[in-house]
Amino acid sequence: MNLPSYVGRFAPTPSGYLHFGSLVAALASWLDARAVGGRWLLRMEDLDPPREMAGAQAAILRALEAYGLHWDGECVRQSDRHAAYAAVIQRLSEQGLAYACTCSRKQLEQNGGLYRGTCRDACHPLEEAAVRIRVPQLGYGFVDRVQGEYRQHLGREVGDFVIRRRDGLFAYQLAVVLDDAWQGVTDVVRGADLLDSTPRQLYLQELLGLPQPRYLHVPLIIQPDGHKLGKTYRSPPLAADQAAPLLTRALRALGQRPPADLADAGVEGVLQWGVAHWRVEGIPRTRTLAEAQLV
């Protein structure tokens, strides 16, 4: 089957190097696109300079190339998209759909993390304040291609959420929605830790008149203590000389059942097998997988 209209993407945050958990998500996204003859884009989600690790962007590009996960077109950086984000925030504010919030983190913690709309009608100036989007008292849901039906009531479970931080940095929820639409992304394949972000993104898509992609959330690879793999927990970066065996291991994590000797075929052989045998139905319908249980 060939679906040239398929556009997927991988959008890493350069706060650290790619690790095995990143590889599982990147490989799933790449295979889902290539199995139907689709395009696969790369976007660097560099929205938070204080958290960015020096050299991480270049290291991510090198790792993807070493693992044969080549992308189409140029790598887009969200740091080049600030004007687009700012324009949408200004428009939403003028329409009364977004507002400035001066509440402190301590105030939010006192409410259990759920924002109660304290500044909804305060008319604070946008400068030197966070900007929140007004959410309706409605539930938003979708059918994930792996995880099944997922619903969330924005008013009761989320509250008005931030689309620009008080320090002026733009929030992930807004940027990802605008960039997916701008790049023509039809299919979002990512880790299940972002499953509960999706209803917020559905609402923003509706509010802004943007198309809704299909979603596929793959299980998150976790450590024995329950934390996901990542820089904070010293997850080892991907080694270039281990590309074929780690790709094979990632295929197993995705429920694809590669032959025991597939790694001997090298990176190109592993990826060719993965494209030819890609089955979304094989992906475990769970939100987490323990790394220690993977073979």
C-alpha atoms as a PDB file:
ATOM      1  CA  MET A   1       0.000   0.000   0.000  1.00  0.00           C
ATOM      2  CA  ASN A   2       1.294   3.453  -0.856  1.00  0.00           C
ATOM      3  CA  LEU A   3      -0.100   6.540   0.837  1.00  0.00           C
ATOM      4  CA  PRO A   4       2.016   9.489  -0.346  1.00  0.00           C
ATOM      5  CA  SER A   5      -0.154  11.857   1.661  1.00  0.00           C
ATOM      6  CA  TYR A   6       1.194  10.388   4.934  1.00  0.00           C
ATOM      7  CA  VAL A   7       3.448  12.861   6.755  1.00  0.00           C
ATOM      8  CA  GLY A   8       5.028  11.785  10.030  1.00  0.00           C
ATOM      9  CA  ARG A   9       7.600  13.464  12.225  1.00  0.00           C
ATOM     10  CA  PHE A  10      10.056  12.984  15.054  1.00  0.00           C
ATOM     11  CA  ALA A  11      10.436  15.932  17.420  1.00  0.00           C
ATOM     12  CA  PRO A  12      13.184  15.467  20.039  1.00  0.00           C
ATOM     13  CA  THR A  13      13.971  17.965  22.790  1.00  0.00           C
ATOM     14  CA  PRO A  14      17.706  18.782  22.893  1.00  0.00           C
ATOM     15  CA  SER A  15      17.977  18.591  26.670  1.00  0.00           C
ATOM     16  CA  GLY A  16      20.182  15.521  26.313  1.00  0.00           C
ATOM     17  CA  TYR A  17      21.369  12.807  23.950  1.00  0.00           C
ATOM     18  CA  LEU A  18      19.108  10.247  22.333  1.00  0.00           C
ATOM     19  CA  HIS A  19      18.844   7.060  24.412  1.00  0.00           C
ATOM     20  CA  PHE A  20      17.099   3.725  23.951  1.00  0.00           C
ATOM     21  CA  GLY A  21      13.688   5.099  24.895  1.00  0.00           C
ATOM     22  CA  SER A  22      14.102   7.833  22.275  1.00  0.00           C
ATOM     23  CA  LEU A  23      15.095   5.196  19.726  1.00  0.00           C
ATOM     24  CA  VAL A  24      11.922   3.180  20.292  1.00  0.00           C
ATOM     25  CA  ALA A  25       9.745   6.251  19.632  1.00  0.00           C
ATOM     26  CA  ALA A  26      11.835   7.435  16.660  1.00  0.00           C
ATOM     27  CA  LEU A  27      11.884   3.974  15.074  1.00  0.00           C
ATOM     28  CA  ALA A  28       8.118   3.547  15.472  1.00  0.00           C
ATOM     29  CA  SER A  29       7.517   6.920  13.826  1.00  0.00           C
ATOM     30  CA  TRP A  30       9.985   6.227  10.998  1.00  0.00           C
ATOM     31  CA  LEU A  31       8.622   2.742  10.281  1.00  0.00           C
ATOM     32  CA  ASP A  32       5.001   3.889  10.347  1.00  0.00           C
ATOM     33  CA  ALA A  33       5.836   6.485   7.682  1.00  0.00           C
ATOM     34  CA  ARG A  34       8.140   4.385   5.511  1.00  0.00           C
ATOM     35  CA  ALA A  35       5.844   1.319   5.540  1.00  0.00           C
ATOM     36  CA  VAL A  36       3.256   3.302   3.557  1.00  0.00           C
ATOM     37  CA  GLY A  37       5.676   5.319   1.434  1.00  0.00           C
ATOM     38  CA  GLY A  38       5.145   8.444   3.514  1.00  0.00           C
ATOM     39  CA  ARG A  39       7.390  11.348   4.412  1.00  0.00           C
ATOM     40  CA  TRP A  40       9.220  11.584   7.746  1.00  0.00           C
ATOM     41  CA  LEU A  41      10.165  15.004   9.059  1.00  0.00           C
ATOM     42  CA  LEU A  42      12.505  16.087  11.834  1.00  0.00           C
ATOM     43  CA  ARG A  43      11.720  18.979  14.163  1.00  0.00           C
ATOM     44  CA  MET A  44      13.947  20.137  17.007  1.00  0.00           C
ATOM     45  CA  GLU A  45      11.761  21.209  19.924  1.00  0.00           C
ATOM     46  CA  ASP A  46      14.208  23.734  21.362  1.00  0.00           C
ATOM     47  CA  LEU A  47      11.656  25.861  23.209  1.00  0.00           C
ATOM     48  CA  ASP A  48      13.502  25.952  26.522  1.00  0.00           C
ATOM     49  CA  PRO A  49      17.100  27.235  26.157  1.00  0.00           C
ATOM     50  CA  PRO A  50      17.900  26.971  29.915  1.00  0.00           C
ATOM     51  CA  ARG A  51      17.266  23.205  29.745  1.00  0.00           C
ATOM     52  CA  GLU A  52      19.109  22.655  26.468  1.00  0.00           C
ATOM     53  CA  MET A  53      22.399  20.781  26.703  1.00  0.00           C
ATOM     54  CA  ALA A  54      25.306  22.181  24.730  1.00  0.00           C
ATOM     55  CA  GLY A  55      25.982  20.058  21.657  1.00  0.00           C
ATOM     56  CA  ALA A  56      22.796  17.999  22.025  1.00  0.00           C
ATOM     57  CA  GLN A  57      21.239  19.104  18.738  1.00  0.00           C
ATOM     58  CA  ALA A  58      24.251  18.056  16.687  1.00  0.00           C
ATOM     59  CA  ALA A  59      24.547  14.797  18.641  1.00  0.00           C
ATOM     60  CA  ILE A  60      20.882  13.956  17.966  1.00  0.00           C
ATOM     61  CA  LEU A  61      21.357  14.474  14.226  1.00  0.00           C
ATOM     62  CA  ARG A  62      24.486  12.308  14.213  1.00  0.00           C
ATOM     63  CA  ALA A  63      22.742   9.520  16.142  1.00  0.00           C
ATOM     64  CA  LEU A  64      19.750   9.437  13.785  1.00  0.00           C
ATOM     65  CA  GLU A  65      22.066   9.264  10.777  1.00  0.00           C
ATOM     66  CA  ALA A  66      24.175   6.509  12.355  1.00  0.00           C
ATOM     67  CA  TYR A  67      21.010   4.497  12.980  1.00  0.00           C
ATOM     68  CA  GLY A  68      19.815   4.932   9.408  1.00  0.00           C
ATOM     69  CA  LEU A  69      16.794   7.060  10.374  1.00  0.00           C
ATOM     70  CA  HIS A  70      17.148   9.622   7.611  1.00  0.00           C
ATOM     71  CA  TRP A  71      14.569  12.401   7.431  1.00  0.00           C
ATOM     72  CA  ASP A  72      13.025  14.265   4.514  1.00  0.00           C
ATOM     73  CA  GLY A  73      13.791  17.945   3.956  1.00  0.00           C
ATOM     74  CA  GLU A  74      15.470  20.301   6.391  1.00  0.00           C
ATOM     75  CA  CYS A  75      15.389  19.953  10.162  1.00  0.00           C
ATOM     76  CA  VAL A  76      12.959  22.582  11.508  1.00  0.00           C
ATOM     77  CA  ARG A  77      13.794  24.326  14.791  1.00  0.00           C
ATOM     78  CA  GLN A  78      11.073  25.762  16.983  1.00  0.00           C
ATOM     79  CA  SER A  79      13.426  28.564  18.011  1.00  0.00           C
ATOM     80  CA  ASP A  80      12.919  29.916  14.472  1.00  0.00           C
ATOM     81  CA  ARG A  81       9.127  29.946  14.887  1.00  0.00           C
ATOM     82  CA  HIS A  82       8.674  32.414  17.745  1.00  0.00           C
ATOM     83  CA  ALA A  83       6.984  35.047  15.598  1.00  0.00           C
ATOM     84  CA  ALA A  84       4.282  32.575  14.533  1.00  0.00           C
ATOM     85  CA  TYR A  85       3.584  31.560  18.135  1.00  0.00           C
ATOM     86  CA  ALA A  86       3.455  35.178  19.325  1.00  0.00           C
ATOM     87  CA  ALA A  87       1.012  36.159  16.586  1.00  0.00           C
ATOM     88  CA  VAL A  88      -1.423  33.395  17.552  1.00  0.00           C
ATOM     89  CA  ILE A  89      -1.213  34.298  21.248  1.00  0.00           C
ATOM     90  CA  GLN A  90      -1.964  37.928  20.430  1.00  0.00           C
ATOM     91  CA  ARG A  91      -4.962  36.908  18.338  1.00  0.00           C
ATOM     92  CA  LEU A  92      -6.330  34.568  21.003  1.00  0.00           C
ATOM     93  CA  SER A  93      -5.953  37.312  23.604  1.00  0.00           C
ATOM     94  CA  GLU A  94      -7.784  39.843  21.440  1.00  0.00           C
ATOM     95  CA  GLN A  95     -10.595  37.328  20.958  1.00  0.00           C
ATOM     96  CA  GLY A  96     -10.896  36.817  24.711  1.00  0.00           C
ATOM     97  CA  LEU A  97      -9.840  33.178  24.406  1.00  0.00           C
ATOM     98  CA  ALA A  98      -6.544  33.652  26.266  1.00  0.00           C
ATOM     99  CA  TYR A  99      -5.560  35.863  29.177  1.00  0.00           C
ATOM    100  CA  ALA A 100      -2.624  36.906  31.333  1.00  0.00           C
ATOM    101  CA  CYS A 101      -2.057  35.082  34.622  1.00  0.00           C
ATOM    102  CA  THR A 102       0.174  36.294  37.467  1.00  0.00           C
ATOM    103  CA  CYS A 103      -0.423  33.380  39.863  1.00  0.00           C
ATOM    104  CA  SER A 104       2.683  31.925  41.474  1.00  0.00           C
ATOM    105  CA  ARG A 105       3.746  28.313  41.464  1.00  0.00           C
ATOM    106  CA  LYS A 106       3.000  28.200  45.185  1.00  0.00           C
ATOM    107  CA  GLN A 107      -0.616  29.214  44.538  1.00  0.00           C
ATOM    108  CA  LEU A 108      -0.953  26.435  41.985  1.00  0.00           C
ATOM    109  CA  GLU A 109       0.497  23.882  44.393  1.00  0.00           C
ATOM    110  CA  GLN A 110      -2.052  24.909  47.012  1.00  0.00           C
ATOM    111  CA  ASN A 111      -4.789  23.962  44.528  1.00  0.00           C
ATOM    112  CA  GLY A 112      -3.269  20.571  43.853  1.00  0.00           C
ATOM    113  CA  GLY A 113      -1.792  21.740  40.545  1.00  0.00           C
ATOM    114  CA  LEU A 114      -5.188  22.369  38.937  1.00  0.00           C
ATOM    115  CA  TYR A 115      -5.653  25.988  37.901  1.00  0.00           C
ATOM    116  CA  ARG A 116      -8.934  27.413  39.227  1.00  0.00           C
ATOM    117  CA  GLY A 117      -9.224  30.412  36.895  1.00  0.00           C
ATOM    118  CA  THR A 118      -8.088  33.021  39.427  1.00  0.00           C
ATOM    119  CA  CYS A 119      -6.964  35.528  36.772  1.00  0.00           C
ATOM    120  CA  ARG A 120      -9.671  34.809  34.177  1.00  0.00           C
ATOM    121  CA  ASP A 121     -11.346  38.185  34.602  1.00  0.00           C
ATOM    122  CA  ALA A 122      -8.467  40.174  36.076  1.00  0.00           C
ATOM    123  CA  CYS A 123      -7.423  41.858  32.786  1.00  0.00           C
ATOM    124  CA  HIS A 124      -3.688  41.775  33.581  1.00  0.00           C
ATOM    125  CA  PRO A 125      -1.394  43.019  30.779  1.00  0.00           C
ATOM    126  CA  LEU A 126       0.243  40.233  28.780  1.00  0.00           C
ATOM    127  CA  GLU A 127       3.746  41.520  29.477  1.00  0.00           C
ATOM    128  CA  GLU A 128       5.638  39.785  32.306  1.00  0.00           C
ATOM    129  CA  ALA A 129       2.802  37.328  32.892  1.00  0.00           C
ATOM    130  CA  ALA A 130       1.981  33.803  31.861  1.00  0.00           C
ATOM    131  CA  VAL A 131      -0.713  33.427  29.198  1.00  0.00           C
ATOM    132  CA  ARG A 132      -3.429  30.819  29.677  1.00  0.00           C
ATOM    133  CA  ILE A 133      -6.046  29.486  27.298  1.00  0.00           C
ATOM    134  CA  ARG A 134      -9.655  29.341  28.495  1.00  0.00           C
ATOM    135  CA  VAL A 135     -10.882  25.756  28.447  1.00  0.00           C
ATOM    136  CA  PRO A 136     -14.521  24.714  28.225  1.00  0.00           C
ATOM    137  CA  GLN A 137     -16.295  22.446  30.678  1.00  0.00           C
ATOM    138  CA  LEU A 138     -16.187  19.677  28.116  1.00  0.00           C
ATOM    139  CA  GLY A 139     -14.540  16.322  27.590  1.00  0.00           C
ATOM    140  CA  TYR A 140     -12.232  15.759  24.640  1.00  0.00           C
ATOM    141  CA  GLY A 141     -11.358  12.314  23.406  1.00  0.00           C
ATOM    142  CA  PHE A 142      -9.897  10.374  20.512  1.00  0.00           C
ATOM    143  CA  VAL A 143      -9.111   6.796  19.530  1.00  0.00           C
ATOM    144  CA  ASP A 144      -5.396   6.126  19.664  1.00  0.00           C
ATOM    145  CA  ARG A 145      -4.143   3.568  17.152  1.00  0.00           C
ATOM    146  CA  VAL A 146      -2.485   1.548  19.936  1.00  0.00           C
ATOM    147  CA  GLN A 147      -3.842   2.690  23.287  1.00  0.00           C
ATOM    148  CA  GLY A 148      -7.493   2.769  22.183  1.00  0.00           C
ATOM    149  CA  GLU A 149     -10.044   5.320  23.363  1.00  0.00           C
ATOM    150  CA  TYR A 150      -8.797   8.076  25.647  1.00  0.00           C
ATOM    151  CA  ARG A 151     -10.897  10.897  27.110  1.00  0.00           C
ATOM    152  CA  GLN A 152     -10.199  13.817  29.394  1.00  0.00           C
ATOM    153  CA  HIS A 153     -12.459  16.515  30.820  1.00  0.00           C
ATOM    154  CA  LEU A 154     -10.528  19.745  30.326  1.00  0.00           C
ATOM    155  CA  GLY A 155     -12.416  21.769  32.910  1.00  0.00           C
ATOM    156  CA  ARG A 156     -12.284  19.212  35.739  1.00  0.00           C
ATOM    157  CA  GLU A 157      -8.977  17.484  35.021  1.00  0.00           C
ATOM    158  CA  VAL A 158      -6.767  20.144  33.429  1.00  0.00           C
ATOM    159  CA  GLY A 159      -8.054  23.689  33.885  1.00  0.00           C
ATOM    160  CA  ASP A 160      -6.943  26.715  31.872  1.00  0.00           C
ATOM    161  CA  PHE A 161      -3.463  25.777  30.706  1.00  0.00           C
ATOM    162  CA  VAL A 162      -0.388  27.831  29.882  1.00  0.00           C
ATOM    163  CA  ILE A 163       0.475  28.619  26.273  1.00  0.00           C
ATOM    164  CA  ARG A 164       3.259  31.087  27.136  1.00  0.00           C
ATOM    165  CA  ARG A 165       5.268  30.988  30.314  1.00  0.00           C
ATOM    166  CA  ARG A 166       5.839  33.949  32.596  1.00  0.00           C
ATOM    167  CA  ASP A 167       9.473  34.116  31.491  1.00  0.00           C
ATOM    168  CA  GLY A 168       8.311  34.606  27.899  1.00  0.00           C
ATOM    169  CA  LEU A 169       9.062  31.081  26.691  1.00  0.00           C
ATOM    170  CA  PHE A 170       6.369  29.485  24.562  1.00  0.00           C
ATOM    171  CA  ALA A 171       4.648  26.355  25.842  1.00  0.00           C
ATOM    172  CA  TYR A 172       4.896  22.961  24.188  1.00  0.00           C
ATOM    173  CA  GLN A 173       1.124  22.528  23.822  1.00  0.00           C
ATOM    174  CA  LEU A 174       0.749  25.547  21.564  1.00  0.00           C
ATOM    175  CA  ALA A 175       3.961  25.108  19.585  1.00  0.00           C
ATOM    176  CA  VAL A 176       3.372  21.451  18.748  1.00  0.00           C
ATOM    177  CA  VAL A 177      -0.145  22.125  17.466  1.00  0.00           C
ATOM    178  CA  LEU A 178       0.941  25.047  15.292  1.00  0.00           C
ATOM    179  CA  ASP A 179       3.995  23.254  13.926  1.00  0.00           C
ATOM    180  CA  ASP A 180       2.227  19.989  13.125  1.00  0.00           C
ATOM    181  CA  ALA A 181      -0.362  21.933  11.112  1.00  0.00           C
ATOM    182  CA  TRP A 182       2.278  24.135   9.451  1.00  0.00           C
ATOM    183  CA  GLN A 183       4.295  21.081   8.385  1.00  0.00           C
ATOM    184  CA  GLY A 184       1.227  19.190   7.182  1.00  0.00           C
ATOM    185  CA  VAL A 185       1.696  16.343   9.648  1.00  0.00           C
ATOM    186  CA  THR A 186      -1.013  13.714   9.227  1.00  0.00           C
ATOM    187  CA  ASP A 187       0.220  11.167  11.777  1.00  0.00           C
ATOM    188  CA  VAL A 188       1.782  11.730  15.187  1.00  0.00           C
ATOM    189  CA  VAL A 189       3.676   8.740  16.598  1.00  0.00           C
ATOM    190  CA  ARG A 190       5.235   9.417  20.010  1.00  0.00           C
ATOM    191  CA  GLY A 191       5.668   8.089  23.541  1.00  0.00           C
ATOM    192  CA  ALA A 192       2.695   7.342  25.782  1.00  0.00           C
ATOM    193  CA  ASP A 193       3.888   9.925  28.314  1.00  0.00           C
ATOM    194  CA  LEU A 194       2.266  12.476  25.975  1.00  0.00           C
ATOM    195  CA  LEU A 195      -1.083  10.698  25.817  1.00  0.00           C
ATOM    196  CA  ASP A 196      -2.673  13.024  28.385  1.00  0.00           C
ATOM    197  CA  SER A 197      -1.445  16.089  26.452  1.00  0.00           C
ATOM    198  CA  THR A 198      -3.482  15.130  23.410  1.00  0.00           C
ATOM    199  CA  PRO A 199      -6.928  16.404  24.559  1.00  0.00           C
ATOM    200  CA  ARG A 200      -5.418  19.848  25.124  1.00  0.00           C
ATOM    201  CA  GLN A 201      -3.989  19.718  21.637  1.00  0.00           C
ATOM    202  CA  LEU A 202      -7.329  18.599  20.207  1.00  0.00           C
ATOM    203  CA  TYR A 203      -8.964  21.624  21.807  1.00  0.00           C
ATOM    204  CA  LEU A 204      -6.354  24.015  20.398  1.00  0.00           C
ATOM    205  CA  GLN A 205      -6.761  22.450  16.946  1.00  0.00           C
ATOM    206  CA  GLU A 206     -10.505  22.997  17.173  1.00  0.00           C
ATOM    207  CA  LEU A 207     -10.104  26.557  18.439  1.00  0.00           C
ATOM    208  CA  LEU A 208      -7.665  27.485  15.670  1.00  0.00           C
ATOM    209  CA  GLY A 209      -9.452  25.634  12.872  1.00  0.00           C
ATOM    210  CA  LEU A 210      -6.533  23.244  12.303  1.00  0.00           C
ATOM    211  CA  PRO A 211      -6.712  19.628  11.075  1.00  0.00           C
ATOM    212  CA  GLN A 212      -6.464  16.803  13.599  1.00  0.00           C
ATOM    213  CA  PRO A 213      -3.741  14.222  12.917  1.00  0.00           C
ATOM    214  CA  ARG A 214      -4.084  10.544  13.725  1.00  0.00           C
ATOM    215  CA  TYR A 215      -2.303   9.598  16.946  1.00  0.00           C
ATOM    216  CA  LEU A 216      -0.283   6.553  17.944  1.00  0.00           C
ATOM    217  CA  HIS A 217       1.320   6.466  21.394  1.00  0.00           C
ATOM    218  CA  VAL A 218       3.928   3.746  21.897  1.00  0.00           C
ATOM    219  CA  PRO A 219       4.784   2.337  25.333  1.00  0.00           C
ATOM    220  CA  LEU A 220       7.270   4.328  27.362  1.00  0.00           C
ATOM    221  CA  ILE A 221      10.450   2.470  28.309  1.00  0.00           C
ATOM    222  CA  ILE A 222      10.931   2.781  32.064  1.00  0.00           C
ATOM    223  CA  GLN A 223      13.566   1.929  34.640  1.00  0.00           C
ATOM    224  CA  PRO A 224      12.979  -0.354  37.667  1.00  0.00           C
ATOM    225  CA  ASP A 225      12.037   2.654  39.838  1.00  0.00           C
ATOM    226  CA  GLY A 226       9.288   3.588  37.381  1.00  0.00           C
ATOM    227  CA  HIS A 227      11.063   6.612  35.878  1.00  0.00           C
ATOM    228  CA  LYS A 228      11.311   6.907  32.121  1.00  0.00           C
ATOM    229  CA  LEU A 229      14.688   6.683  30.445  1.00  0.00           C
ATOM    230  CA  GLY A 230      16.250  10.118  30.108  1.00  0.00           C
ATOM    231  CA  LYS A 231      19.193  12.376  30.839  1.00  0.00           C
ATOM    232  CA  THR A 232      18.042  12.975  34.411  1.00  0.00           C
ATOM    233  CA  TYR A 233      18.438   9.281  35.183  1.00  0.00           C
ATOM    234  CA  ARG A 234      21.737   8.895  33.329  1.00  0.00           C
ATOM    235  CA  SER A 235      20.374   6.748  30.521  1.00  0.00           C
ATOM    236  CA  PRO A 236      23.310   5.934  28.239  1.00  0.00           C
ATOM    237  CA  PRO A 237      23.365   7.724  24.865  1.00  0.00           C
ATOM    238  CA  LEU A 238      23.012   5.645  21.723  1.00  0.00           C
ATOM    239  CA  ALA A 239      26.350   4.185  20.646  1.00  0.00           C
ATOM    240  CA  ALA A 240      26.976   4.314  16.897  1.00  0.00           C
ATOM    241  CA  ASP A 241      28.677   0.899  16.882  1.00  0.00           C
ATOM    242  CA  GLN A 242      25.619  -0.708  18.494  1.00  0.00           C
ATOM    243  CA  ALA A 243      23.109   0.538  15.915  1.00  0.00           C
ATOM    244  CA  ALA A 244      22.037  -2.805  14.427  1.00  0.00           C
ATOM    245  CA  PRO A 245      21.575  -4.697  17.742  1.00  0.00           C
ATOM    246  CA  LEU A 246      19.820  -1.751  19.410  1.00  0.00           C
ATOM    247  CA  LEU A 247      17.495  -1.290  16.428  1.00  0.00           C
ATOM    248  CA  THR A 248      16.670  -4.997  16.660  1.00  0.00           C
ATOM    249  CA  ARG A 249      16.000  -4.637  20.376  1.00  0.00           C
ATOM    250  CA  ALA A 250      13.752  -1.647  19.680  1.00  0.00           C
ATOM    251  CA  LEU A 251      11.810  -3.735  17.157  1.00  0.00           C
ATOM    252  CA  ARG A 252      11.211  -6.320  19.891  1.00  0.00           C
ATOM    253  CA  ALA A 253      10.061  -3.606  22.286  1.00  0.00           C
ATOM    254  CA  LEU A 254       7.538  -2.618  19.612  1.00  0.00           C
ATOM    255  CA  GLY A 255       6.242  -6.195  19.391  1.00  0.00           C
ATOM    256  CA  GLN A 256       7.585  -6.791  15.869  1.00  0.00           C
ATOM    257  CA  ARG A 257       9.280 -10.186  16.528  1.00  0.00           C
ATOM    258  CA  PRO A 258      12.440  -9.901  14.383  1.00  0.00           C
ATOM    259  CA  PRO A 259      14.491 -13.072  13.764  1.00  0.00           C
ATOM    260  CA  ALA A 260      17.189 -13.777  16.339  1.00  0.00           C
ATOM    261  CA  ASP A 261      20.039 -13.117  13.886  1.00  0.00           C
ATOM    262  CA  LEU A 262      18.607  -9.980  12.276  1.00  0.00           C
ATOM    263  CA  ALA A 263      21.285  -7.720  13.771  1.00  0.00           C
ATOM    264  CA  ASP A 264      23.832  -9.559  11.622  1.00  0.00           C
ATOM    265  CA  ALA A 265      22.228  -7.930   8.578  1.00  0.00           C
ATOM    266  CA  GLY A 266      23.491  -4.506   9.645  1.00  0.00           C
ATOM    267  CA  VAL A 267      21.577  -1.267   9.990  1.00  0.00           C
ATOM    268  CA  GLU A 268      20.180  -1.259   6.458  1.00  0.00           C
ATOM    269  CA  GLY A 269      19.072  -4.884   6.694  1.00  0.00           C
ATOM    270  CA  VAL A 270      17.366  -4.353  10.051  1.00  0.00           C
ATOM    271  CA  LEU A 271      15.465  -1.324   8.773  1.00  0.00           C
ATOM    272  CA  GLN A 272      14.460  -3.061   5.538  1.00  0.00           C
ATOM    273  CA  TRP A 273      13.041  -5.959   7.559  1.00  0.00           C
ATOM    274  CA  GLY A 274      11.263  -3.521   9.854  1.00  0.00           C
ATOM    275  CA  VAL A 275       9.566  -1.690   6.979  1.00  0.00           C
ATOM    276  CA  ALA A 276       8.508  -4.929   5.275  1.00  0.00           C
ATOM    277  CA  HIS A 277       7.085  -6.457   8.482  1.00  0.00           C
ATOM    278  CA  TRP A 278       5.703  -3.380  10.278  1.00  0.00           C
ATOM    279  CA  ARG A 279       2.522  -4.239  12.131  1.00  0.00           C
ATOM    280  CA  VAL A 280       0.897  -1.645  14.372  1.00  0.00           C
ATOM    281  CA  GLU A 281      -1.238  -4.476  15.773  1.00  0.00           C
ATOM    282  CA  GLY A 282       1.902  -6.001  17.292  1.00  0.00           C
ATOM    283  CA  ILE A 283       2.724  -2.984  19.482  1.00  0.00           C
ATOM    284  CA  PRO A 284       1.922  -3.758  23.139  1.00  0.00           C
ATOM    285  CA  ARG A 285      -1.270  -1.987  24.258  1.00  0.00           C
ATOM    286  CA  THR A 286       0.307  -0.688  27.419  1.00  0.00           C
ATOM    287  CA  ARG A 287       1.630   2.713  28.403  1.00  0.00           C
ATOM    288  CA  THR A 288       4.924   1.471  29.863  1.00  0.00           C
ATOM    289  CA  LEU A 289       7.442  -1.305  29.340  1.00  0.00           C
ATOM    290  CA  ALA A 290      10.192  -2.098  31.831  1.00  0.00           C
ATOM    291  CA  GLU A 291      13.596  -1.937  30.174  1.00  0.00           C
ATOM    292  CA  ALA A 292      14.819  -4.854  32.286  1.00  0.00           C
ATOM    293  CA  GLN A 293      12.160  -7.114  30.731  1.00  0.00           C
ATOM    294  CA  LEU A 294      13.271  -6.441  27.169  1.00  0.00           C
ATOM    295  CA  VAL A 295      15.534  -8.983  25.509  1.00  0.00           C
END
